[in-house]
Amino acid sequence: MLTIGPYRFTNHDALRTVENFPALWAQLGAGRDASALDPLVPDLDGDVADVLPRIWAAMLAAGPALRTAGQLPDRTTGTVARLNVGSGGVPKAATTQVTVGFAGIDGDVQASRKHHGRPWQALCLWSTEVIDAFNDDGHRLVAGAAGENITLSGLPWAEVRPGVRLRLGDVVCEVAAYALPCKQNARWFVDGKFRVMHHELGPVSRVYATVLQPGSVCQGDAALLEP
């Protein structure tokens, strides 16, 4: 176990974070003037225990750097439409209030930590507007079906992308990465084509977020996209 401040990484978490760092960093800069990120690029030489703290420091500094450079969107307010907690797998069940720590929602469990559970994957967020658009195309989604912890309404989903900070109830989190489509969600999609959720196909992807400030979130709370 490796600990960086309040964040805990298993050895597998640490290895996967280091392995995924180039892709995570590319997502932060995509479609933006990413020059503000250049001074933050960490030295990747060394073993995992040496490299991980440098990577984590860069990831936490990236959002503020983009914000200072004027590369993040204007303030927008939406709503926490639904909260979803599960004991493993999908769909996740609705609840009206959750407690969020640095590792995610208390009581929420992933069936496998192979691709889940890193500190930068503490929360999974999605959009009611995206769900509705998929259903208009004949798919059969509901909030929580795709495994997101918090389903949001009223936010411009194209702007909810890596580097953006959100305030959800008492919780402050920062989007760290897009969540890649999972075959466990094939059942909700026409002909099982779950890859239509991929971020390369548009502003349709779920996102993962790092918790910066723990707290509680209630259904109906404001969801603030902060500048």
C-alpha atoms as a PDB file:
ATOM      1  CA  MET A   1       0.000   0.000   0.000  1.00  0.00           C
ATOM      2  CA  LEU A   2       1.284   3.461  -0.947  1.00  0.00           C
ATOM      3  CA  THR A   3      -0.150   6.533   0.754  1.00  0.00           C
ATOM      4  CA  ILE A   4       0.026  10.091  -0.605  1.00  0.00           C
ATOM      5  CA  GLY A   5      -1.710  12.480   1.765  1.00  0.00           C
ATOM      6  CA  PRO A   6      -5.286  11.179   2.216  1.00  0.00           C
ATOM      7  CA  TYR A   7      -5.085   8.959  -0.882  1.00  0.00           C
ATOM      8  CA  ARG A   8      -4.292   5.263  -0.641  1.00  0.00           C
ATOM      9  CA  PHE A   9      -3.030   3.193  -3.559  1.00  0.00           C
ATOM     10  CA  THR A  10      -2.712  -0.573  -3.508  1.00  0.00           C
ATOM     11  CA  ASN A  11       0.341  -1.826  -5.365  1.00  0.00           C
ATOM     12  CA  HIS A  12      -1.953  -2.654  -8.296  1.00  0.00           C
ATOM     13  CA  ASP A  13      -3.517   0.829  -8.147  1.00  0.00           C
ATOM     14  CA  ALA A  14      -0.077   2.414  -8.199  1.00  0.00           C
ATOM     15  CA  LEU A  15       1.124   0.333 -11.143  1.00  0.00           C
ATOM     16  CA  ARG A  16      -2.018   0.982 -13.165  1.00  0.00           C
ATOM     17  CA  THR A  17      -1.863   4.712 -12.441  1.00  0.00           C
ATOM     18  CA  VAL A  18       1.711   4.899 -13.690  1.00  0.00           C
ATOM     19  CA  GLU A  19       0.852   2.819 -16.758  1.00  0.00           C
ATOM     20  CA  ASN A  20      -2.199   4.946 -17.559  1.00  0.00           C
ATOM     21  CA  PHE A  21      -0.568   8.300 -16.923  1.00  0.00           C
ATOM     22  CA  PRO A  22       0.265   9.142 -20.589  1.00  0.00           C
ATOM     23  CA  ALA A  23      -3.369   8.593 -21.605  1.00  0.00           C
ATOM     24  CA  LEU A  24      -4.684  10.516 -18.587  1.00  0.00           C
ATOM     25  CA  TRP A  25      -2.386  13.440 -19.338  1.00  0.00           C
ATOM     26  CA  ALA A  26      -3.405  13.455 -22.996  1.00  0.00           C
ATOM     27  CA  GLN A  27      -7.085  13.707 -21.986  1.00  0.00           C
ATOM     28  CA  LEU A  28      -6.332  16.792 -19.885  1.00  0.00           C
ATOM     29  CA  GLY A  29      -4.809  18.607 -22.828  1.00  0.00           C
ATOM     30  CA  ALA A  30      -7.031  17.428 -25.672  1.00  0.00           C
ATOM     31  CA  GLY A  31      -8.860  20.261 -27.442  1.00  0.00           C
ATOM     32  CA  ARG A  32      -7.225  22.919 -25.271  1.00  0.00           C
ATOM     33  CA  ASP A  33      -4.145  25.087 -25.310  1.00  0.00           C
ATOM     34  CA  ALA A  34      -2.206  22.676 -23.142  1.00  0.00           C
ATOM     35  CA  SER A  35       0.921  24.802 -22.823  1.00  0.00           C
ATOM     36  CA  ALA A  36      -0.006  25.513 -19.192  1.00  0.00           C
ATOM     37  CA  LEU A  37       0.577  21.823 -18.495  1.00  0.00           C
ATOM     38  CA  ASP A  38       4.082  21.698 -19.946  1.00  0.00           C
ATOM     39  CA  PRO A  39       5.878  22.809 -16.733  1.00  0.00           C
ATOM     40  CA  LEU A  40       4.027  20.132 -14.779  1.00  0.00           C
ATOM     41  CA  VAL A  41       5.121  17.100 -16.786  1.00  0.00           C
ATOM     42  CA  PRO A  42       6.780  14.805 -14.241  1.00  0.00           C
ATOM     43  CA  ASP A  43       9.985  12.827 -14.473  1.00  0.00           C
ATOM     44  CA  LEU A  44       8.930   9.255 -15.175  1.00  0.00           C
ATOM     45  CA  ASP A  45      12.283   7.640 -14.411  1.00  0.00           C
ATOM     46  CA  GLY A  46      12.448   5.328 -11.435  1.00  0.00           C
ATOM     47  CA  ASP A  47      10.365   2.584  -9.904  1.00  0.00           C
ATOM     48  CA  VAL A  48       6.639   2.887  -9.235  1.00  0.00           C
ATOM     49  CA  ALA A  49       7.062   4.047  -5.639  1.00  0.00           C
ATOM     50  CA  ASP A  50       9.279   6.916  -6.829  1.00  0.00           C
ATOM     51  CA  VAL A  51       7.250   7.902  -9.876  1.00  0.00           C
ATOM     52  CA  LEU A  52       3.741   7.744  -8.420  1.00  0.00           C
ATOM     53  CA  PRO A  53       4.081  10.783  -6.095  1.00  0.00           C
ATOM     54  CA  ARG A  54       5.390  12.883  -8.982  1.00  0.00           C
ATOM     55  CA  ILE A  55       2.533  11.767 -11.236  1.00  0.00           C
ATOM     56  CA  TRP A  56      -0.065  12.389  -8.534  1.00  0.00           C
ATOM     57  CA  ALA A  57       1.280  15.875  -7.827  1.00  0.00           C
ATOM     58  CA  ALA A  58       1.094  16.692 -11.544  1.00  0.00           C
ATOM     59  CA  MET A  59      -2.461  15.389 -11.846  1.00  0.00           C
ATOM     60  CA  LEU A  60      -3.645  17.449  -8.868  1.00  0.00           C
ATOM     61  CA  ALA A  61      -1.918  20.569 -10.211  1.00  0.00           C
ATOM     62  CA  ALA A  62      -3.225  20.243 -13.773  1.00  0.00           C
ATOM     63  CA  GLY A  63      -6.775  21.498 -13.193  1.00  0.00           C
ATOM     64  CA  PRO A  64      -5.697  24.661 -11.359  1.00  0.00           C
ATOM     65  CA  ALA A  65      -3.099  25.351 -14.066  1.00  0.00           C
ATOM     66  CA  LEU A  66      -5.708  25.063 -16.823  1.00  0.00           C
ATOM     67  CA  ARG A  67      -8.085  27.238 -14.801  1.00  0.00           C
ATOM     68  CA  THR A  68      -5.454  29.971 -14.397  1.00  0.00           C
ATOM     69  CA  ALA A  69      -4.767  29.798 -18.135  1.00  0.00           C
ATOM     70  CA  GLY A  70      -8.450  30.350 -18.933  1.00  0.00           C
ATOM     71  CA  GLN A  71      -8.880  26.892 -20.447  1.00  0.00           C
ATOM     72  CA  LEU A  72     -11.828  25.756 -18.333  1.00  0.00           C
ATOM     73  CA  PRO A  73     -15.533  26.544 -18.855  1.00  0.00           C
ATOM     74  CA  ASP A  74     -17.709  29.144 -17.164  1.00  0.00           C
ATOM     75  CA  ARG A  75     -19.579  28.423 -13.950  1.00  0.00           C
ATOM     76  CA  THR A  76     -22.761  26.424 -14.518  1.00  0.00           C
ATOM     77  CA  THR A  77     -25.283  25.025 -12.058  1.00  0.00           C
ATOM     78  CA  GLY A  78     -27.133  21.756 -12.474  1.00  0.00           C
ATOM     79  CA  THR A  79     -28.700  19.224 -10.130  1.00  0.00           C
ATOM     80  CA  VAL A  80     -27.831  15.903  -8.528  1.00  0.00           C
ATOM     81  CA  ALA A  81     -30.591  13.881 -10.166  1.00  0.00           C
ATOM     82  CA  ARG A  82     -29.837  10.494  -8.628  1.00  0.00           C
ATOM     83  CA  LEU A  83     -27.344   8.790  -6.317  1.00  0.00           C
ATOM     84  CA  ASN A  84     -26.420   5.194  -7.025  1.00  0.00           C
ATOM     85  CA  VAL A  85     -24.749   2.622  -4.775  1.00  0.00           C
ATOM     86  CA  GLY A  86     -24.034  -1.038  -5.452  1.00  0.00           C
ATOM     87  CA  SER A  87     -22.631  -4.204  -3.926  1.00  0.00           C
ATOM     88  CA  GLY A  88     -20.798  -5.098  -7.135  1.00  0.00           C
ATOM     89  CA  GLY A  89     -21.725  -5.012 -10.814  1.00  0.00           C
ATOM     90  CA  VAL A  90     -24.521  -3.102 -12.507  1.00  0.00           C
ATOM     91  CA  PRO A  91     -27.075  -1.661 -12.192  1.00  0.00           C
ATOM     92  CA  LYS A  92     -26.476   0.316  -9.018  1.00  0.00           C
ATOM     93  CA  ALA A  93     -29.469   0.982  -6.780  1.00  0.00           C
ATOM     94  CA  ALA A  94     -30.894   4.430  -6.046  1.00  0.00           C
ATOM     95  CA  THR A  95     -30.437   6.081  -2.672  1.00  0.00           C
ATOM     96  CA  THR A  96     -31.243   9.577  -1.436  1.00  0.00           C
ATOM     97  CA  GLN A  97     -28.039  10.488   0.422  1.00  0.00           C
ATOM     98  CA  VAL A  98     -24.419   9.323   0.403  1.00  0.00           C
ATOM     99  CA  THR A  99     -21.272   9.998   2.391  1.00  0.00           C
ATOM    100  CA  VAL A 100     -18.202  10.487   0.223  1.00  0.00           C
ATOM    101  CA  GLY A 101     -14.618   9.990   1.337  1.00  0.00           C
ATOM    102  CA  PHE A 102     -11.342  10.231  -0.546  1.00  0.00           C
ATOM    103  CA  ALA A 103     -11.837   6.616  -1.709  1.00  0.00           C
ATOM    104  CA  GLY A 104     -15.401   7.191  -2.947  1.00  0.00           C
ATOM    105  CA  ILE A 105     -18.906   6.596  -1.628  1.00  0.00           C
ATOM    106  CA  ASP A 106     -19.139   4.751   1.671  1.00  0.00           C
ATOM    107  CA  GLY A 107     -20.672   1.324   1.097  1.00  0.00           C
ATOM    108  CA  ASP A 108     -20.254   1.298  -2.678  1.00  0.00           C
ATOM    109  CA  VAL A 109     -18.410  -1.785  -3.922  1.00  0.00           C
ATOM    110  CA  GLN A 110     -16.810  -2.700  -7.252  1.00  0.00           C
ATOM    111  CA  ALA A 111     -17.135  -6.338  -8.301  1.00  0.00           C
ATOM    112  CA  SER A 112     -13.528  -6.217  -9.521  1.00  0.00           C
ATOM    113  CA  ARG A 113     -10.744  -3.737  -8.854  1.00  0.00           C
ATOM    114  CA  LYS A 114      -8.840  -4.726 -11.988  1.00  0.00           C
ATOM    115  CA  HIS A 115     -10.074  -1.659 -13.848  1.00  0.00           C
ATOM    116  CA  HIS A 116     -11.676   0.298 -10.990  1.00  0.00           C
ATOM    117  CA  GLY A 117     -11.007   1.749  -7.581  1.00  0.00           C
ATOM    118  CA  ARG A 118      -8.012   4.034  -8.049  1.00  0.00           C
ATOM    119  CA  PRO A 119      -8.173   7.370  -6.161  1.00  0.00           C
ATOM    120  CA  TRP A 120      -8.706   9.135  -9.492  1.00  0.00           C
ATOM    121  CA  GLN A 121     -11.702   6.823 -10.021  1.00  0.00           C
ATOM    122  CA  ALA A 122     -13.287   7.563  -6.634  1.00  0.00           C
ATOM    123  CA  LEU A 123     -16.537   8.789  -8.214  1.00  0.00           C
ATOM    124  CA  CYS A 124     -18.154   7.920 -11.518  1.00  0.00           C
ATOM    125  CA  LEU A 125     -20.447  10.621 -12.907  1.00  0.00           C
ATOM    126  CA  TRP A 126     -22.898  10.696 -15.797  1.00  0.00           C
ATOM    127  CA  SER A 127     -25.652  12.807 -17.314  1.00  0.00           C
ATOM    128  CA  THR A 128     -29.425  12.372 -17.518  1.00  0.00           C
ATOM    129  CA  GLU A 129     -29.353  14.249 -20.812  1.00  0.00           C
ATOM    130  CA  VAL A 130     -26.925  11.712 -22.289  1.00  0.00           C
ATOM    131  CA  ILE A 131     -29.039   8.831 -20.975  1.00  0.00           C
ATOM    132  CA  ASP A 132     -32.172  10.371 -22.507  1.00  0.00           C
ATOM    133  CA  ALA A 133     -30.437  10.856 -25.851  1.00  0.00           C
ATOM    134  CA  PHE A 134     -29.331   7.232 -25.911  1.00  0.00           C
ATOM    135  CA  ASN A 135     -32.879   6.101 -25.127  1.00  0.00           C
ATOM    136  CA  ASP A 136     -34.204   8.266 -27.944  1.00  0.00           C
ATOM    137  CA  ASP A 137     -32.049   6.057 -30.195  1.00  0.00           C
ATOM    138  CA  GLY A 138     -33.723   2.931 -28.860  1.00  0.00           C
ATOM    139  CA  HIS A 139     -31.382   1.947 -26.042  1.00  0.00           C
ATOM    140  CA  ARG A 140     -32.713   0.982 -22.594  1.00  0.00           C
ATOM    141  CA  LEU A 141     -30.748   2.942 -20.016  1.00  0.00           C
ATOM    142  CA  VAL A 142     -31.818   4.306 -16.669  1.00  0.00           C
ATOM    143  CA  ALA A 143     -29.791   6.269 -14.113  1.00  0.00           C
ATOM    144  CA  GLY A 144     -27.416   3.913 -12.346  1.00  0.00           C
ATOM    145  CA  ALA A 145     -27.632   1.193 -14.983  1.00  0.00           C
ATOM    146  CA  ALA A 146     -24.201   1.966 -16.382  1.00  0.00           C
ATOM    147  CA  GLY A 147     -22.635   1.980 -12.912  1.00  0.00           C
ATOM    148  CA  GLU A 148     -22.270   5.696 -12.331  1.00  0.00           C
ATOM    149  CA  ASN A 149     -22.389   6.797  -8.691  1.00  0.00           C
ATOM    150  CA  ILE A 150     -23.917  10.203  -9.327  1.00  0.00           C
ATOM    151  CA  THR A 151     -26.242  11.081 -12.188  1.00  0.00           C
ATOM    152  CA  LEU A 152     -26.316  14.819 -12.926  1.00  0.00           C
ATOM    153  CA  SER A 153     -28.814  17.001 -14.782  1.00  0.00           C
ATOM    154  CA  GLY A 154     -28.537  20.424 -16.344  1.00  0.00           C
ATOM    155  CA  LEU A 155     -24.796  20.565 -16.985  1.00  0.00           C
ATOM    156  CA  PRO A 156     -23.318  20.965 -20.480  1.00  0.00           C
ATOM    157  CA  TRP A 157     -21.837  17.485 -20.662  1.00  0.00           C
ATOM    158  CA  ALA A 158     -19.299  18.384 -23.322  1.00  0.00           C
ATOM    159  CA  GLU A 159     -17.688  20.610 -20.660  1.00  0.00           C
ATOM    160  CA  VAL A 160     -17.614  17.948 -17.929  1.00  0.00           C
ATOM    161  CA  ARG A 161     -14.225  16.586 -18.867  1.00  0.00           C
ATOM    162  CA  PRO A 162     -10.786  16.050 -17.318  1.00  0.00           C
ATOM    163  CA  GLY A 163      -9.546  19.078 -15.390  1.00  0.00           C
ATOM    164  CA  VAL A 164     -12.998  20.442 -14.514  1.00  0.00           C
ATOM    165  CA  ARG A 165     -13.932  20.845 -10.844  1.00  0.00           C
ATOM    166  CA  LEU A 166     -17.414  20.116  -9.508  1.00  0.00           C
ATOM    167  CA  ARG A 167     -19.114  20.881  -6.205  1.00  0.00           C
ATOM    168  CA  LEU A 168     -21.818  18.336  -5.398  1.00  0.00           C
ATOM    169  CA  GLY A 169     -23.471  19.038  -2.073  1.00  0.00           C
ATOM    170  CA  ASP A 170     -20.586  19.269   0.397  1.00  0.00           C
ATOM    171  CA  VAL A 171     -18.235  17.368  -1.893  1.00  0.00           C
ATOM    172  CA  VAL A 172     -15.638  18.912  -4.182  1.00  0.00           C
ATOM    173  CA  CYS A 173     -14.223  16.660  -6.876  1.00  0.00           C
ATOM    174  CA  GLU A 174     -12.217  17.057 -10.043  1.00  0.00           C
ATOM    175  CA  VAL A 175     -12.758  15.102 -13.226  1.00  0.00           C
ATOM    176  CA  ALA A 176      -9.648  13.018 -13.857  1.00  0.00           C
ATOM    177  CA  ALA A 177     -10.512  10.795 -16.808  1.00  0.00           C
ATOM    178  CA  TYR A 178     -13.168   9.430 -19.078  1.00  0.00           C
ATOM    179  CA  ALA A 179     -14.587   6.057 -18.024  1.00  0.00           C
ATOM    180  CA  LEU A 180     -14.042   3.517 -20.767  1.00  0.00           C
ATOM    181  CA  PRO A 181     -17.074   1.461 -21.858  1.00  0.00           C
ATOM    182  CA  CYS A 182     -17.493  -1.900 -20.146  1.00  0.00           C
ATOM    183  CA  LYS A 183     -19.043  -5.048 -21.618  1.00  0.00           C
ATOM    184  CA  GLN A 184     -21.141  -5.397 -18.456  1.00  0.00           C
ATOM    185  CA  ASN A 185     -23.259  -2.604 -19.942  1.00  0.00           C
ATOM    186  CA  ALA A 186     -23.943  -4.367 -23.245  1.00  0.00           C
ATOM    187  CA  ARG A 187     -27.397  -5.421 -22.037  1.00  0.00           C
ATOM    188  CA  TRP A 188     -28.668  -1.819 -22.108  1.00  0.00           C
ATOM    189  CA  PHE A 189     -27.696  -1.135 -25.723  1.00  0.00           C
ATOM    190  CA  VAL A 190     -29.263  -2.130 -29.015  1.00  0.00           C
ATOM    191  CA  ASP A 191     -27.412  -5.181 -30.373  1.00  0.00           C
ATOM    192  CA  GLY A 192     -25.118  -5.000 -27.333  1.00  0.00           C
ATOM    193  CA  LYS A 193     -23.136  -2.123 -28.858  1.00  0.00           C
ATOM    194  CA  PHE A 194     -21.954  -0.625 -25.574  1.00  0.00           C
ATOM    195  CA  ARG A 195     -18.957   1.080 -27.189  1.00  0.00           C
ATOM    196  CA  VAL A 196     -21.241   3.918 -28.287  1.00  0.00           C
ATOM    197  CA  MET A 197     -20.446   5.266 -24.790  1.00  0.00           C
ATOM    198  CA  HIS A 198     -16.800   5.885 -25.733  1.00  0.00           C
ATOM    199  CA  HIS A 199     -15.594   9.478 -25.332  1.00  0.00           C
ATOM    200  CA  GLU A 200     -14.072   9.423 -28.810  1.00  0.00           C
ATOM    201  CA  LEU A 201     -17.637   9.296 -30.175  1.00  0.00           C
ATOM    202  CA  GLY A 202     -18.673  12.578 -28.571  1.00  0.00           C
ATOM    203  CA  PRO A 203     -19.685  14.025 -25.202  1.00  0.00           C
ATOM    204  CA  VAL A 204     -21.353  10.763 -24.174  1.00  0.00           C
ATOM    205  CA  SER A 205     -18.898   9.155 -21.798  1.00  0.00           C
ATOM    206  CA  ARG A 206     -19.176   8.703 -18.070  1.00  0.00           C
ATOM    207  CA  VAL A 207     -16.294  10.361 -16.227  1.00  0.00           C
ATOM    208  CA  TYR A 208     -14.167   9.489 -13.213  1.00  0.00           C
ATOM    209  CA  ALA A 209     -13.386  12.070 -10.562  1.00  0.00           C
ATOM    210  CA  THR A 210     -10.890  12.499  -7.728  1.00  0.00           C
ATOM    211  CA  VAL A 211     -12.377  13.622  -4.408  1.00  0.00           C
ATOM    212  CA  LEU A 212     -10.711  16.820  -3.197  1.00  0.00           C
ATOM    213  CA  GLN A 213     -13.073  17.536  -0.305  1.00  0.00           C
ATOM    214  CA  PRO A 214     -15.136  14.738   1.293  1.00  0.00           C
ATOM    215  CA  GLY A 215     -18.651  15.289   2.561  1.00  0.00           C
ATOM    216  CA  SER A 216     -22.236  14.300   1.933  1.00  0.00           C
ATOM    217  CA  VAL A 217     -24.408  14.544  -1.168  1.00  0.00           C
ATOM    218  CA  CYS A 218     -28.203  14.402  -1.260  1.00  0.00           C
ATOM    219  CA  GLN A 219     -30.483  13.832  -4.201  1.00  0.00           C
ATOM    220  CA  GLY A 220     -31.610  17.252  -5.409  1.00  0.00           C
ATOM    221  CA  ASP A 221     -28.447  19.073  -4.291  1.00  0.00           C
ATOM    222  CA  ALA A 222     -26.956  21.642  -6.621  1.00  0.00           C
ATOM    223  CA  ALA A 223     -24.250  20.414  -8.957  1.00  0.00           C
ATOM    224  CA  LEU A 224     -21.892  23.304  -9.567  1.00  0.00           C
ATOM    225  CA  LEU A 225     -19.387  23.241 -12.403  1.00  0.00           C
ATOM    226  CA  GLU A 226     -16.782  25.657 -11.051  1.00  0.00           C
ATOM    227  CA  PRO A 227     -14.625  27.915 -13.219  1.00  0.00           C
END
